[in-house]
Amino acid sequence: MSWRMPSETAPHERTWMAFPREGITLGEETAEREEGYAAWTAVAHAVAEFEPVTMVVDPSELARARRMLSGDIELVEAPLDEFWMRDFGPTFVIDDEHPGVLGAVDWTFNGWGAPEWAEWRKSAEIARVIAPLVGAELVSSVLVNEGGGIHVDGEGTVLVTETVQLDPRRNPYADKARVEAELARTIGATKVVWLPRGLTRDYDEFGTNGHVDIVATITSPGTLLLHSQQNPEHPDFEVTRELRALLSEQTDAAGRRFDIVDLPAPEALRDEEGFVDYSYVNHLVVNEGIIACGFGEAAADATAREILEAAYPGRRAVTVDSRPIFARGGGIHCITQQQPAVGR
């Protein structure tokens, strides 16, 4: 097979998610847990306005999921510990030579580098649960990688981060050549663009060590949407400027220089844990829509919607308050995974 990961803007069959379950990520207090359940549910309902949603649910949470989720959302029961579907779930690919054939890349998942706090062994099996349910051919990979660690244009370009794929806690024997060869085999990457790092908050104890899906995305071939921290008091002010300078010198798989569109961060600088990584880049593109992160700032949220709708013509942006998701280590893109439509 010759696999290729389509752009997120290609037609979707559905979006996959995982319902939260009790544990360190969800929170210790009842109010914290309820906030988490509500945030995941709000994203699911927002996506369901545009396309089908299938939610993987741990048996311990099945009754709650049935109570909180609308009947339009399909439930699949399977053991879970973590619930960041983008990262442990399958990355779907297609074969252009065989229309109608769907593949499911099963990256090796070790909880973002096997930190002591992470519980991940159950969720690491989910790609092998989902693949037969959708009739996808399983594409096994020994590369420790997460869906949030890659962004593609659907035409051979992929964005990655040196501190993720080359993380010694993930892939101690990898170098760029080995990673690039595996990305070519699994998702059809012909040009790998390496970012040196991600956002500051992503390097704390509960971070991913630099996922690209909170930093930059390719909205259409040749065009990048880049997180822009515009306040010099935030350490990402320098980080995002350095990334912009680097990306302005890069080319995609077709040899084009990138047209970079800045997506300003909201005004919030800190939460109770430190500098935030609130980012509108961490949105999900759906059929005819965009599910955008919101941070309770009316003006900034509105500006982000305008920029996103301009970046994806013909799609309507809908904002979902994502602060409870970011408080747990990610955003809307991190908790969702698109399944492309095939044979159409």
C-alpha atoms as a PDB file:
ATOM      1  CA  MET A   1       0.000   0.000   0.000  1.00  0.00           C
ATOM      2  CA  SER A   2       1.027   3.591  -0.569  1.00  0.00           C
ATOM      3  CA  TRP A   3      -0.498   5.464   2.341  1.00  0.00           C
ATOM      4  CA  ARG A   4      -1.230   9.186   2.519  1.00  0.00           C
ATOM      5  CA  MET A   5      -2.699  11.193   5.358  1.00  0.00           C
ATOM      6  CA  PRO A   6      -5.265  13.609   3.915  1.00  0.00           C
ATOM      7  CA  SER A   7      -5.497  17.195   5.037  1.00  0.00           C
ATOM      8  CA  GLU A   8      -7.903  17.844   7.879  1.00  0.00           C
ATOM      9  CA  THR A   9      -9.864  19.938   5.377  1.00  0.00           C
ATOM     10  CA  ALA A  10     -10.691  16.871   3.247  1.00  0.00           C
ATOM     11  CA  PRO A  11     -14.223  15.443   3.742  1.00  0.00           C
ATOM     12  CA  HIS A  12     -14.728  13.515   6.976  1.00  0.00           C
ATOM     13  CA  GLU A  13     -16.698  10.370   7.603  1.00  0.00           C
ATOM     14  CA  ARG A  14     -16.804  11.165  11.304  1.00  0.00           C
ATOM     15  CA  THR A  15     -14.866  12.482  14.287  1.00  0.00           C
ATOM     16  CA  TRP A  16     -13.644  10.168  17.039  1.00  0.00           C
ATOM     17  CA  MET A  17     -13.380  11.168  20.698  1.00  0.00           C
ATOM     18  CA  ALA A  18     -12.849   9.466  24.072  1.00  0.00           C
ATOM     19  CA  PHE A  19     -15.044  10.205  27.071  1.00  0.00           C
ATOM     20  CA  PRO A  20     -13.204  11.219  30.265  1.00  0.00           C
ATOM     21  CA  ARG A  21     -12.800   8.777  33.101  1.00  0.00           C
ATOM     22  CA  GLU A  22     -11.751   9.268  36.681  1.00  0.00           C
ATOM     23  CA  GLY A  23      -8.017   9.626  37.271  1.00  0.00           C
ATOM     24  CA  ILE A  24      -5.262  12.196  37.657  1.00  0.00           C
ATOM     25  CA  THR A  25      -6.064  14.012  34.411  1.00  0.00           C
ATOM     26  CA  LEU A  26      -9.731  14.551  35.183  1.00  0.00           C
ATOM     27  CA  GLY A  27      -9.153  15.990  38.661  1.00  0.00           C
ATOM     28  CA  GLU A  28      -9.447  15.071  42.320  1.00  0.00           C
ATOM     29  CA  GLU A  29     -12.398  17.211  43.385  1.00  0.00           C
ATOM     30  CA  THR A  30     -15.974  16.550  42.302  1.00  0.00           C
ATOM     31  CA  ALA A  31     -16.303  20.028  40.808  1.00  0.00           C
ATOM     32  CA  GLU A  32     -13.104  19.528  38.818  1.00  0.00           C
ATOM     33  CA  ARG A  33     -14.323  16.229  37.429  1.00  0.00           C
ATOM     34  CA  GLU A  34     -17.710  17.659  36.481  1.00  0.00           C
ATOM     35  CA  GLU A  35     -15.959  20.515  34.674  1.00  0.00           C
ATOM     36  CA  GLY A  36     -13.951  18.013  32.638  1.00  0.00           C
ATOM     37  CA  TYR A  37     -16.938  15.882  31.689  1.00  0.00           C
ATOM     38  CA  ALA A  38     -18.843  19.015  30.657  1.00  0.00           C
ATOM     39  CA  ALA A  39     -15.988  20.335  28.484  1.00  0.00           C
ATOM     40  CA  TRP A  40     -15.559  17.086  26.534  1.00  0.00           C
ATOM     41  CA  THR A  41     -19.334  16.852  26.142  1.00  0.00           C
ATOM     42  CA  ALA A  42     -19.575  20.425  24.826  1.00  0.00           C
ATOM     43  CA  VAL A  43     -16.966  19.707  22.152  1.00  0.00           C
ATOM     44  CA  ALA A  44     -18.744  16.500  21.120  1.00  0.00           C
ATOM     45  CA  HIS A  45     -22.063  18.305  20.742  1.00  0.00           C
ATOM     46  CA  ALA A  46     -20.428  21.138  18.766  1.00  0.00           C
ATOM     47  CA  VAL A  47     -18.811  18.679  16.340  1.00  0.00           C
ATOM     48  CA  ALA A  48     -22.055  16.711  16.013  1.00  0.00           C
ATOM     49  CA  GLU A  49     -23.731  19.785  14.515  1.00  0.00           C
ATOM     50  CA  PHE A  50     -21.489  19.285  11.471  1.00  0.00           C
ATOM     51  CA  GLU A  51     -20.670  15.577  11.223  1.00  0.00           C
ATOM     52  CA  PRO A  52     -21.126  12.236  13.017  1.00  0.00           C
ATOM     53  CA  VAL A  53     -19.276  11.706  16.304  1.00  0.00           C
ATOM     54  CA  THR A  54     -18.247   8.357  17.772  1.00  0.00           C
ATOM     55  CA  MET A  55     -17.209   8.386  21.422  1.00  0.00           C
ATOM     56  CA  VAL A  56     -15.091   5.630  22.975  1.00  0.00           C
ATOM     57  CA  VAL A  57     -16.218   5.141  26.577  1.00  0.00           C
ATOM     58  CA  ASP A  58     -14.620   3.190  29.407  1.00  0.00           C
ATOM     59  CA  PRO A  59     -17.101   0.730  30.965  1.00  0.00           C
ATOM     60  CA  SER A  60     -16.927   2.655  34.256  1.00  0.00           C
ATOM     61  CA  GLU A  61     -18.280   5.795  32.542  1.00  0.00           C
ATOM     62  CA  LEU A  62     -20.915   4.300  30.255  1.00  0.00           C
ATOM     63  CA  ALA A  63     -23.917   5.373  32.327  1.00  0.00           C
ATOM     64  CA  ARG A  64     -22.613   8.938  32.640  1.00  0.00           C
ATOM     65  CA  ALA A  65     -21.857   9.142  28.916  1.00  0.00           C
ATOM     66  CA  ARG A  66     -25.366   7.987  28.043  1.00  0.00           C
ATOM     67  CA  ARG A  67     -26.790  10.589  30.399  1.00  0.00           C
ATOM     68  CA  MET A  68     -24.669  13.521  29.198  1.00  0.00           C
ATOM     69  CA  LEU A  69     -24.335  12.889  25.471  1.00  0.00           C
ATOM     70  CA  SER A  70     -27.105  13.313  22.927  1.00  0.00           C
ATOM     71  CA  GLY A  71     -28.512  10.265  21.227  1.00  0.00           C
ATOM     72  CA  ASP A  72     -26.900  11.376  17.974  1.00  0.00           C
ATOM     73  CA  ILE A  73     -23.461  10.446  19.304  1.00  0.00           C
ATOM     74  CA  GLU A  74     -22.481   6.820  18.811  1.00  0.00           C
ATOM     75  CA  LEU A  75     -20.858   5.127  21.816  1.00  0.00           C
ATOM     76  CA  VAL A  76     -18.205   2.418  21.630  1.00  0.00           C
ATOM     77  CA  GLU A  77     -17.327   0.675  24.890  1.00  0.00           C
ATOM     78  CA  ALA A  78     -13.619  -0.078  25.414  1.00  0.00           C
ATOM     79  CA  PRO A  79     -11.126   0.163  28.298  1.00  0.00           C
ATOM     80  CA  LEU A  80      -9.521   3.594  28.674  1.00  0.00           C
ATOM     81  CA  ASP A  81      -7.185   5.327  31.084  1.00  0.00           C
ATOM     82  CA  GLU A  82      -6.393   8.524  29.147  1.00  0.00           C
ATOM     83  CA  PHE A  83      -8.872  10.339  26.899  1.00  0.00           C
ATOM     84  CA  TRP A  84      -6.831  12.434  24.452  1.00  0.00           C
ATOM     85  CA  MET A  85      -8.022  10.667  21.303  1.00  0.00           C
ATOM     86  CA  ARG A  86      -5.753  12.631  18.961  1.00  0.00           C
ATOM     87  CA  ASP A  87      -2.702  11.247  20.667  1.00  0.00           C
ATOM     88  CA  PHE A  88      -3.390   7.574  21.330  1.00  0.00           C
ATOM     89  CA  GLY A  89      -6.033   6.900  18.697  1.00  0.00           C
ATOM     90  CA  PRO A  90      -5.373   5.906  15.095  1.00  0.00           C
ATOM     91  CA  THR A  91      -4.128   8.382  12.528  1.00  0.00           C
ATOM     92  CA  PHE A  92      -6.243   7.622   9.483  1.00  0.00           C
ATOM     93  CA  VAL A  93      -4.698   7.350   6.034  1.00  0.00           C
ATOM     94  CA  ILE A  94      -5.917   6.511   2.539  1.00  0.00           C
ATOM     95  CA  ASP A  95      -4.438   4.776  -0.497  1.00  0.00           C
ATOM     96  CA  ASP A  96      -4.860   6.833  -3.660  1.00  0.00           C
ATOM     97  CA  GLU A  97      -4.196   3.764  -5.821  1.00  0.00           C
ATOM     98  CA  HIS A  98      -7.050   1.860  -4.177  1.00  0.00           C
ATOM     99  CA  PRO A  99     -10.043   4.188  -3.669  1.00  0.00           C
ATOM    100  CA  GLY A 100     -12.198   3.174  -0.755  1.00  0.00           C
ATOM    101  CA  VAL A 101      -9.308   1.660   1.216  1.00  0.00           C
ATOM    102  CA  LEU A 102      -8.799   3.152   4.664  1.00  0.00           C
ATOM    103  CA  GLY A 103      -5.735   2.685   6.831  1.00  0.00           C
ATOM    104  CA  ALA A 104      -5.277   3.298  10.557  1.00  0.00           C
ATOM    105  CA  VAL A 105      -1.750   4.091  11.710  1.00  0.00           C
ATOM    106  CA  ASP A 106      -1.161   2.635  15.153  1.00  0.00           C
ATOM    107  CA  TRP A 107       1.686   4.693  16.573  1.00  0.00           C
ATOM    108  CA  THR A 108       3.408   3.372  19.668  1.00  0.00           C
ATOM    109  CA  PHE A 109       2.024   5.412  22.569  1.00  0.00           C
ATOM    110  CA  ASN A 110       3.789   5.670  25.928  1.00  0.00           C
ATOM    111  CA  GLY A 111       1.939   8.528  27.601  1.00  0.00           C
ATOM    112  CA  TRP A 112       4.013  11.368  26.098  1.00  0.00           C
ATOM    113  CA  GLY A 113       7.349   9.932  27.178  1.00  0.00           C
ATOM    114  CA  ALA A 114       6.279   7.636  30.036  1.00  0.00           C
ATOM    115  CA  PRO A 115       6.237  10.213  32.863  1.00  0.00           C
ATOM    116  CA  GLU A 116       5.598   8.783  36.326  1.00  0.00           C
ATOM    117  CA  TRP A 117       2.088  10.242  36.566  1.00  0.00           C
ATOM    118  CA  ALA A 118       0.759   8.971  33.237  1.00  0.00           C
ATOM    119  CA  GLU A 119      -1.706   6.104  32.874  1.00  0.00           C
ATOM    120  CA  TRP A 120      -1.709   5.061  29.244  1.00  0.00           C
ATOM    121  CA  ARG A 121      -1.489   1.327  28.654  1.00  0.00           C
ATOM    122  CA  LYS A 122      -5.222   0.796  28.086  1.00  0.00           C
ATOM    123  CA  SER A 123      -5.627   3.732  25.748  1.00  0.00           C
ATOM    124  CA  ALA A 124      -2.547   2.609  23.798  1.00  0.00           C
ATOM    125  CA  GLU A 125      -4.664  -0.299  22.495  1.00  0.00           C
ATOM    126  CA  ILE A 126      -7.479   1.846  21.063  1.00  0.00           C
ATOM    127  CA  ALA A 127      -6.228   2.016  17.468  1.00  0.00           C
ATOM    128  CA  ARG A 128      -6.498  -1.774  17.365  1.00  0.00           C
ATOM    129  CA  VAL A 129     -10.056  -1.531  18.671  1.00  0.00           C
ATOM    130  CA  ILE A 130     -11.162   1.129  16.201  1.00  0.00           C
ATOM    131  CA  ALA A 131      -9.535  -0.197  13.010  1.00  0.00           C
ATOM    132  CA  PRO A 132     -11.740  -3.290  12.594  1.00  0.00           C
ATOM    133  CA  LEU A 133     -14.851  -1.308  13.531  1.00  0.00           C
ATOM    134  CA  VAL A 134     -14.381   0.972  10.505  1.00  0.00           C
ATOM    135  CA  GLY A 135     -12.888  -1.645   8.183  1.00  0.00           C
ATOM    136  CA  ALA A 136      -9.459  -0.042   8.189  1.00  0.00           C
ATOM    137  CA  GLU A 137      -6.201  -1.835   7.554  1.00  0.00           C
ATOM    138  CA  LEU A 138      -3.981  -1.519  10.617  1.00  0.00           C
ATOM    139  CA  VAL A 139      -0.646   0.165   9.868  1.00  0.00           C
ATOM    140  CA  SER A 140       1.591  -0.711  12.809  1.00  0.00           C
ATOM    141  CA  SER A 141       4.492   1.552  13.744  1.00  0.00           C
ATOM    142  CA  VAL A 142       7.280   1.255  16.285  1.00  0.00           C
ATOM    143  CA  LEU A 143       7.686   5.042  16.255  1.00  0.00           C
ATOM    144  CA  VAL A 144       6.543   6.558  19.544  1.00  0.00           C
ATOM    145  CA  ASN A 145       4.417   9.390  18.249  1.00  0.00           C
ATOM    146  CA  GLU A 146       1.102  11.107  18.857  1.00  0.00           C
ATOM    147  CA  GLY A 147      -1.429  12.596  16.460  1.00  0.00           C
ATOM    148  CA  GLY A 148      -0.918  15.986  18.101  1.00  0.00           C
ATOM    149  CA  GLY A 149       2.745  15.801  17.148  1.00  0.00           C
ATOM    150  CA  ILE A 150       2.088  16.035  13.400  1.00  0.00           C
ATOM    151  CA  HIS A 151       0.223  18.342  11.018  1.00  0.00           C
ATOM    152  CA  VAL A 152      -0.018  17.648   7.277  1.00  0.00           C
ATOM    153  CA  ASP A 153      -1.111  19.441   4.134  1.00  0.00           C
ATOM    154  CA  GLY A 154      -2.331  16.257   2.460  1.00  0.00           C
ATOM    155  CA  GLU A 155       0.234  16.701  -0.318  1.00  0.00           C
ATOM    156  CA  GLY A 156       3.331  15.278   1.362  1.00  0.00           C
ATOM    157  CA  THR A 157       4.273  18.028   3.834  1.00  0.00           C
ATOM    158  CA  VAL A 158       4.307  17.315   7.566  1.00  0.00           C
ATOM    159  CA  LEU A 159       5.182  19.595  10.482  1.00  0.00           C
ATOM    160  CA  VAL A 160       6.919  17.956  13.467  1.00  0.00           C
ATOM    161  CA  THR A 161       8.958  19.050  16.485  1.00  0.00           C
ATOM    162  CA  GLU A 162      12.487  17.970  17.381  1.00  0.00           C
ATOM    163  CA  THR A 163      11.581  17.710  21.070  1.00  0.00           C
ATOM    164  CA  VAL A 164       8.742  15.266  20.347  1.00  0.00           C
ATOM    165  CA  GLN A 165       9.802  12.695  17.754  1.00  0.00           C
ATOM    166  CA  LEU A 166      13.455  12.924  18.855  1.00  0.00           C
ATOM    167  CA  ASP A 167      12.561  12.901  22.560  1.00  0.00           C
ATOM    168  CA  PRO A 168      14.849  10.291  24.208  1.00  0.00           C
ATOM    169  CA  ARG A 169      11.945   9.296  26.468  1.00  0.00           C
ATOM    170  CA  ARG A 170       9.991   8.393  23.363  1.00  0.00           C
ATOM    171  CA  ASN A 171      12.490   7.304  20.711  1.00  0.00           C
ATOM    172  CA  PRO A 172      15.967   6.990  22.267  1.00  0.00           C
ATOM    173  CA  TYR A 173      17.507   5.505  19.107  1.00  0.00           C
ATOM    174  CA  ALA A 174      15.845   7.748  16.543  1.00  0.00           C
ATOM    175  CA  ASP A 175      17.446  10.382  14.385  1.00  0.00           C
ATOM    176  CA  LYS A 176      15.819  12.635  11.817  1.00  0.00           C
ATOM    177  CA  ALA A 177      16.465  10.235   8.940  1.00  0.00           C
ATOM    178  CA  ARG A 178      14.777   7.326  10.724  1.00  0.00           C
ATOM    179  CA  VAL A 179      11.797   9.444  11.743  1.00  0.00           C
ATOM    180  CA  GLU A 180      11.425  10.813   8.222  1.00  0.00           C
ATOM    181  CA  ALA A 181      11.569   7.328   6.706  1.00  0.00           C
ATOM    182  CA  GLU A 182       8.827   6.126   9.035  1.00  0.00           C
ATOM    183  CA  LEU A 183       6.642   9.169   8.334  1.00  0.00           C
ATOM    184  CA  ALA A 184       7.067   8.489   4.614  1.00  0.00           C
ATOM    185  CA  ARG A 185       5.982   4.868   5.076  1.00  0.00           C
ATOM    186  CA  THR A 186       3.018   5.534   7.344  1.00  0.00           C
ATOM    187  CA  ILE A 187       1.523   8.878   6.252  1.00  0.00           C
ATOM    188  CA  GLY A 188       3.157   9.513   2.882  1.00  0.00           C
ATOM    189  CA  ALA A 189       5.363  12.403   4.002  1.00  0.00           C
ATOM    190  CA  THR A 190       7.819  13.548   1.338  1.00  0.00           C
ATOM    191  CA  LYS A 191       8.890  16.755   3.116  1.00  0.00           C
ATOM    192  CA  VAL A 192       9.310  16.947   6.886  1.00  0.00           C
ATOM    193  CA  VAL A 193       9.498  20.447   8.361  1.00  0.00           C
ATOM    194  CA  TRP A 194      11.197  20.313  11.768  1.00  0.00           C
ATOM    195  CA  LEU A 195      10.315  22.900  14.383  1.00  0.00           C
ATOM    196  CA  PRO A 196      13.005  23.157  17.077  1.00  0.00           C
ATOM    197  CA  ARG A 197      10.493  23.413  19.934  1.00  0.00           C
ATOM    198  CA  GLY A 198       6.918  24.103  21.005  1.00  0.00           C
ATOM    199  CA  LEU A 199       5.270  26.479  23.479  1.00  0.00           C
ATOM    200  CA  THR A 200       6.708  27.052  26.957  1.00  0.00           C
ATOM    201  CA  ARG A 201       3.904  25.539  29.051  1.00  0.00           C
ATOM    202  CA  ASP A 202       4.125  22.319  27.041  1.00  0.00           C
ATOM    203  CA  TYR A 203       7.432  21.512  28.727  1.00  0.00           C
ATOM    204  CA  ASP A 204       6.093  21.321  32.257  1.00  0.00           C
ATOM    205  CA  GLU A 205       5.454  18.050  34.099  1.00  0.00           C
ATOM    206  CA  PHE A 206       2.108  17.446  32.432  1.00  0.00           C
ATOM    207  CA  GLY A 207       3.042  18.707  28.958  1.00  0.00           C
ATOM    208  CA  THR A 208       3.718  16.882  25.709  1.00  0.00           C
ATOM    209  CA  ASN A 209       7.214  18.337  25.204  1.00  0.00           C
ATOM    210  CA  GLY A 210       6.279  20.423  22.206  1.00  0.00           C
ATOM    211  CA  HIS A 211       3.280  19.215  20.209  1.00  0.00           C
ATOM    212  CA  VAL A 212       2.997  21.074  16.927  1.00  0.00           C
ATOM    213  CA  ASP A 213      -0.817  21.184  16.932  1.00  0.00           C
ATOM    214  CA  ILE A 214      -0.793  23.996  19.468  1.00  0.00           C
ATOM    215  CA  VAL A 215       1.829  25.974  17.527  1.00  0.00           C
ATOM    216  CA  ALA A 216       1.176  25.815  13.787  1.00  0.00           C
ATOM    217  CA  THR A 217      -1.070  24.183  11.209  1.00  0.00           C
ATOM    218  CA  ILE A 218      -1.254  24.090   7.419  1.00  0.00           C
ATOM    219  CA  THR A 219      -4.647  25.499   6.442  1.00  0.00           C
ATOM    220  CA  SER A 220      -4.093  24.925   2.714  1.00  0.00           C
ATOM    221  CA  PRO A 221      -1.033  23.904   0.706  1.00  0.00           C
ATOM    222  CA  GLY A 222       1.557  26.646   1.092  1.00  0.00           C
ATOM    223  CA  THR A 223      -0.241  28.511   3.881  1.00  0.00           C
ATOM    224  CA  LEU A 224       0.618  28.236   7.578  1.00  0.00           C
ATOM    225  CA  LEU A 225      -1.393  29.456  10.539  1.00  0.00           C
ATOM    226  CA  LEU A 226       1.037  30.275  13.374  1.00  0.00           C
ATOM    227  CA  HIS A 227       0.375  30.955  17.045  1.00  0.00           C
ATOM    228  CA  SER A 228       1.462  34.517  17.859  1.00  0.00           C
ATOM    229  CA  GLN A 229       2.042  35.598  21.440  1.00  0.00           C
ATOM    230  CA  GLN A 230       2.056  39.383  21.233  1.00  0.00           C
ATOM    231  CA  ASN A 231       2.819  40.264  24.849  1.00  0.00           C
ATOM    232  CA  PRO A 232       6.566  40.577  25.624  1.00  0.00           C
ATOM    233  CA  GLU A 233       5.860  39.563  29.239  1.00  0.00           C
ATOM    234  CA  HIS A 234       5.110  35.998  28.091  1.00  0.00           C
ATOM    235  CA  PRO A 235       8.086  33.720  27.243  1.00  0.00           C
ATOM    236  CA  ASP A 236       6.276  32.591  24.078  1.00  0.00           C
ATOM    237  CA  PHE A 237       6.678  36.125  22.723  1.00  0.00           C
ATOM    238  CA  GLU A 238      10.253  35.210  21.795  1.00  0.00           C
ATOM    239  CA  VAL A 239       9.433  31.572  21.027  1.00  0.00           C
ATOM    240  CA  THR A 240       6.810  32.397  18.413  1.00  0.00           C
ATOM    241  CA  ARG A 241       8.973  35.043  16.785  1.00  0.00           C
ATOM    242  CA  GLU A 242      11.845  32.611  16.465  1.00  0.00           C
ATOM    243  CA  LEU A 243       9.515  30.002  15.006  1.00  0.00           C
ATOM    244  CA  ARG A 244       8.161  32.533  12.523  1.00  0.00           C
ATOM    245  CA  ALA A 245      11.668  33.416  11.372  1.00  0.00           C
ATOM    246  CA  LEU A 246      12.537  29.742  10.925  1.00  0.00           C
ATOM    247  CA  LEU A 247       9.322  28.840   9.108  1.00  0.00           C
ATOM    248  CA  SER A 248       9.652  31.811   6.764  1.00  0.00           C
ATOM    249  CA  GLU A 249      12.770  30.112   5.353  1.00  0.00           C
ATOM    250  CA  GLN A 250      11.152  26.690   4.950  1.00  0.00           C
ATOM    251  CA  THR A 251       9.483  25.183   1.886  1.00  0.00           C
ATOM    252  CA  ASP A 252       6.773  22.561   1.538  1.00  0.00           C
ATOM    253  CA  ALA A 253       6.732  19.321  -0.459  1.00  0.00           C
ATOM    254  CA  ALA A 254       6.031  21.273  -3.660  1.00  0.00           C
ATOM    255  CA  GLY A 255       8.949  23.628  -3.041  1.00  0.00           C
ATOM    256  CA  ARG A 256       6.817  26.634  -2.063  1.00  0.00           C
ATOM    257  CA  ARG A 257       7.800  29.108   0.638  1.00  0.00           C
ATOM    258  CA  PHE A 258       5.092  29.285   3.274  1.00  0.00           C
ATOM    259  CA  ASP A 259       2.641  32.160   3.453  1.00  0.00           C
ATOM    260  CA  ILE A 260       2.454  32.626   7.246  1.00  0.00           C
ATOM    261  CA  VAL A 261      -0.714  33.969   8.845  1.00  0.00           C
ATOM    262  CA  ASP A 262      -0.419  35.023  12.492  1.00  0.00           C
ATOM    263  CA  LEU A 263      -3.146  33.856  14.875  1.00  0.00           C
ATOM    264  CA  PRO A 264      -2.844  36.061  17.990  1.00  0.00           C
ATOM    265  CA  ALA A 265      -3.042  34.492  21.443  1.00  0.00           C
ATOM    266  CA  PRO A 266      -5.726  35.727  23.853  1.00  0.00           C
ATOM    267  CA  GLU A 267      -4.725  38.323  26.433  1.00  0.00           C
ATOM    268  CA  ALA A 268      -4.522  35.903  29.382  1.00  0.00           C
ATOM    269  CA  LEU A 269      -0.912  35.324  30.389  1.00  0.00           C
ATOM    270  CA  ARG A 270      -1.113  33.093  33.461  1.00  0.00           C
ATOM    271  CA  ASP A 271      -3.278  30.714  35.396  1.00  0.00           C
ATOM    272  CA  GLU A 272      -2.672  29.271  38.867  1.00  0.00           C
ATOM    273  CA  GLU A 273       0.058  26.992  37.449  1.00  0.00           C
ATOM    274  CA  GLY A 274       2.057  29.582  35.509  1.00  0.00           C
ATOM    275  CA  PHE A 275       2.243  30.940  31.970  1.00  0.00           C
ATOM    276  CA  VAL A 276      -0.607  29.567  29.842  1.00  0.00           C
ATOM    277  CA  ASP A 277      -0.357  28.052  26.376  1.00  0.00           C
ATOM    278  CA  TYR A 278      -3.835  29.183  25.303  1.00  0.00           C
ATOM    279  CA  SER A 279      -3.806  28.822  21.534  1.00  0.00           C
ATOM    280  CA  TYR A 280      -6.429  29.228  18.834  1.00  0.00           C
ATOM    281  CA  VAL A 281      -4.276  27.063  16.551  1.00  0.00           C
ATOM    282  CA  ASN A 282      -5.589  24.018  18.414  1.00  0.00           C
ATOM    283  CA  HIS A 283      -8.909  23.997  16.535  1.00  0.00           C
ATOM    284  CA  LEU A 284     -10.617  21.167  14.674  1.00  0.00           C
ATOM    285  CA  VAL A 285     -11.681  21.497  11.048  1.00  0.00           C
ATOM    286  CA  VAL A 286     -14.951  19.635  10.367  1.00  0.00           C
ATOM    287  CA  ASN A 287     -17.275  19.313   7.398  1.00  0.00           C
ATOM    288  CA  GLU A 288     -18.394  22.881   6.616  1.00  0.00           C
ATOM    289  CA  GLY A 289     -17.180  24.117  10.003  1.00  0.00           C
ATOM    290  CA  ILE A 290     -14.399  24.875  12.451  1.00  0.00           C
ATOM    291  CA  ILE A 291     -14.587  24.050  16.153  1.00  0.00           C
ATOM    292  CA  ALA A 292     -12.559  26.847  17.709  1.00  0.00           C
ATOM    293  CA  CYS A 293     -11.070  27.108  21.175  1.00  0.00           C
ATOM    294  CA  GLY A 294     -12.499  29.892  23.324  1.00  0.00           C
ATOM    295  CA  PHE A 295     -10.930  31.492  26.385  1.00  0.00           C
ATOM    296  CA  GLY A 296     -13.688  33.709  27.745  1.00  0.00           C
ATOM    297  CA  GLU A 297     -12.373  36.799  25.962  1.00  0.00           C
ATOM    298  CA  ALA A 298     -15.119  38.055  23.643  1.00  0.00           C
ATOM    299  CA  ALA A 299     -12.932  40.243  21.434  1.00  0.00           C
ATOM    300  CA  ALA A 300     -10.030  37.802  21.100  1.00  0.00           C
ATOM    301  CA  ASP A 301     -12.346  34.839  20.538  1.00  0.00           C
ATOM    302  CA  ALA A 302     -14.177  36.795  17.817  1.00  0.00           C
ATOM    303  CA  THR A 303     -10.932  37.803  16.111  1.00  0.00           C
ATOM    304  CA  ALA A 304      -9.836  34.174  16.094  1.00  0.00           C
ATOM    305  CA  ARG A 305     -13.098  33.097  14.484  1.00  0.00           C
ATOM    306  CA  GLU A 306     -12.665  35.733  11.772  1.00  0.00           C
ATOM    307  CA  ILE A 307      -9.106  34.599  11.017  1.00  0.00           C
ATOM    308  CA  LEU A 308     -10.126  30.936  10.990  1.00  0.00           C
ATOM    309  CA  GLU A 309     -13.092  31.510   8.692  1.00  0.00           C
ATOM    310  CA  ALA A 310     -10.825  33.447   6.314  1.00  0.00           C
ATOM    311  CA  ALA A 311      -8.297  30.604   6.416  1.00  0.00           C
ATOM    312  CA  TYR A 312     -10.959  27.999   5.647  1.00  0.00           C
ATOM    313  CA  PRO A 313     -13.364  29.670   3.176  1.00  0.00           C
ATOM    314  CA  GLY A 314     -16.938  28.420   3.299  1.00  0.00           C
ATOM    315  CA  ARG A 315     -16.716  27.064   6.838  1.00  0.00           C
ATOM    316  CA  ARG A 316     -18.447  28.471   9.899  1.00  0.00           C
ATOM    317  CA  ALA A 317     -16.445  28.814  13.116  1.00  0.00           C
ATOM    318  CA  VAL A 318     -18.062  27.852  16.422  1.00  0.00           C
ATOM    319  CA  THR A 319     -16.328  28.634  19.724  1.00  0.00           C
ATOM    320  CA  VAL A 320     -16.289  26.226  22.670  1.00  0.00           C
ATOM    321  CA  ASP A 321     -14.790  27.335  25.997  1.00  0.00           C
ATOM    322  CA  SER A 322     -11.569  25.353  26.149  1.00  0.00           C
ATOM    323  CA  ARG A 323     -10.049  26.555  29.395  1.00  0.00           C
ATOM    324  CA  PRO A 324     -11.043  23.350  31.241  1.00  0.00           C
ATOM    325  CA  ILE A 325      -9.378  21.303  28.478  1.00  0.00           C
ATOM    326  CA  PHE A 326      -6.191  23.390  28.507  1.00  0.00           C
ATOM    327  CA  ALA A 327      -6.084  23.093  32.305  1.00  0.00           C
ATOM    328  CA  ARG A 328      -5.739  19.348  31.733  1.00  0.00           C
ATOM    329  CA  GLY A 329      -2.993  19.642  29.137  1.00  0.00           C
ATOM    330  CA  GLY A 330      -4.438  20.299  25.676  1.00  0.00           C
ATOM    331  CA  GLY A 331      -7.228  21.699  23.556  1.00  0.00           C
ATOM    332  CA  ILE A 332     -10.001  20.787  21.130  1.00  0.00           C
ATOM    333  CA  HIS A 333      -7.693  19.341  18.481  1.00  0.00           C
ATOM    334  CA  CYS A 334      -6.056  17.166  21.128  1.00  0.00           C
ATOM    335  CA  ILE A 335      -9.296  15.426  22.127  1.00  0.00           C
ATOM    336  CA  THR A 336     -10.599  14.742  18.626  1.00  0.00           C
ATOM    337  CA  GLN A 337      -9.482  12.679  15.608  1.00  0.00           C
ATOM    338  CA  GLN A 338     -10.977  12.916  12.144  1.00  0.00           C
ATOM    339  CA  GLN A 339     -11.742   9.878  10.018  1.00  0.00           C
ATOM    340  CA  PRO A 340     -11.560  10.826   6.335  1.00  0.00           C
ATOM    341  CA  ALA A 341     -14.277   9.853   3.910  1.00  0.00           C
ATOM    342  CA  VAL A 342     -13.029   7.341   1.345  1.00  0.00           C
ATOM    343  CA  GLY A 343     -14.293   6.293  -2.048  1.00  0.00           C
ATOM    344  CA  ARG A 344     -16.051   9.584  -2.707  1.00  0.00           C
END
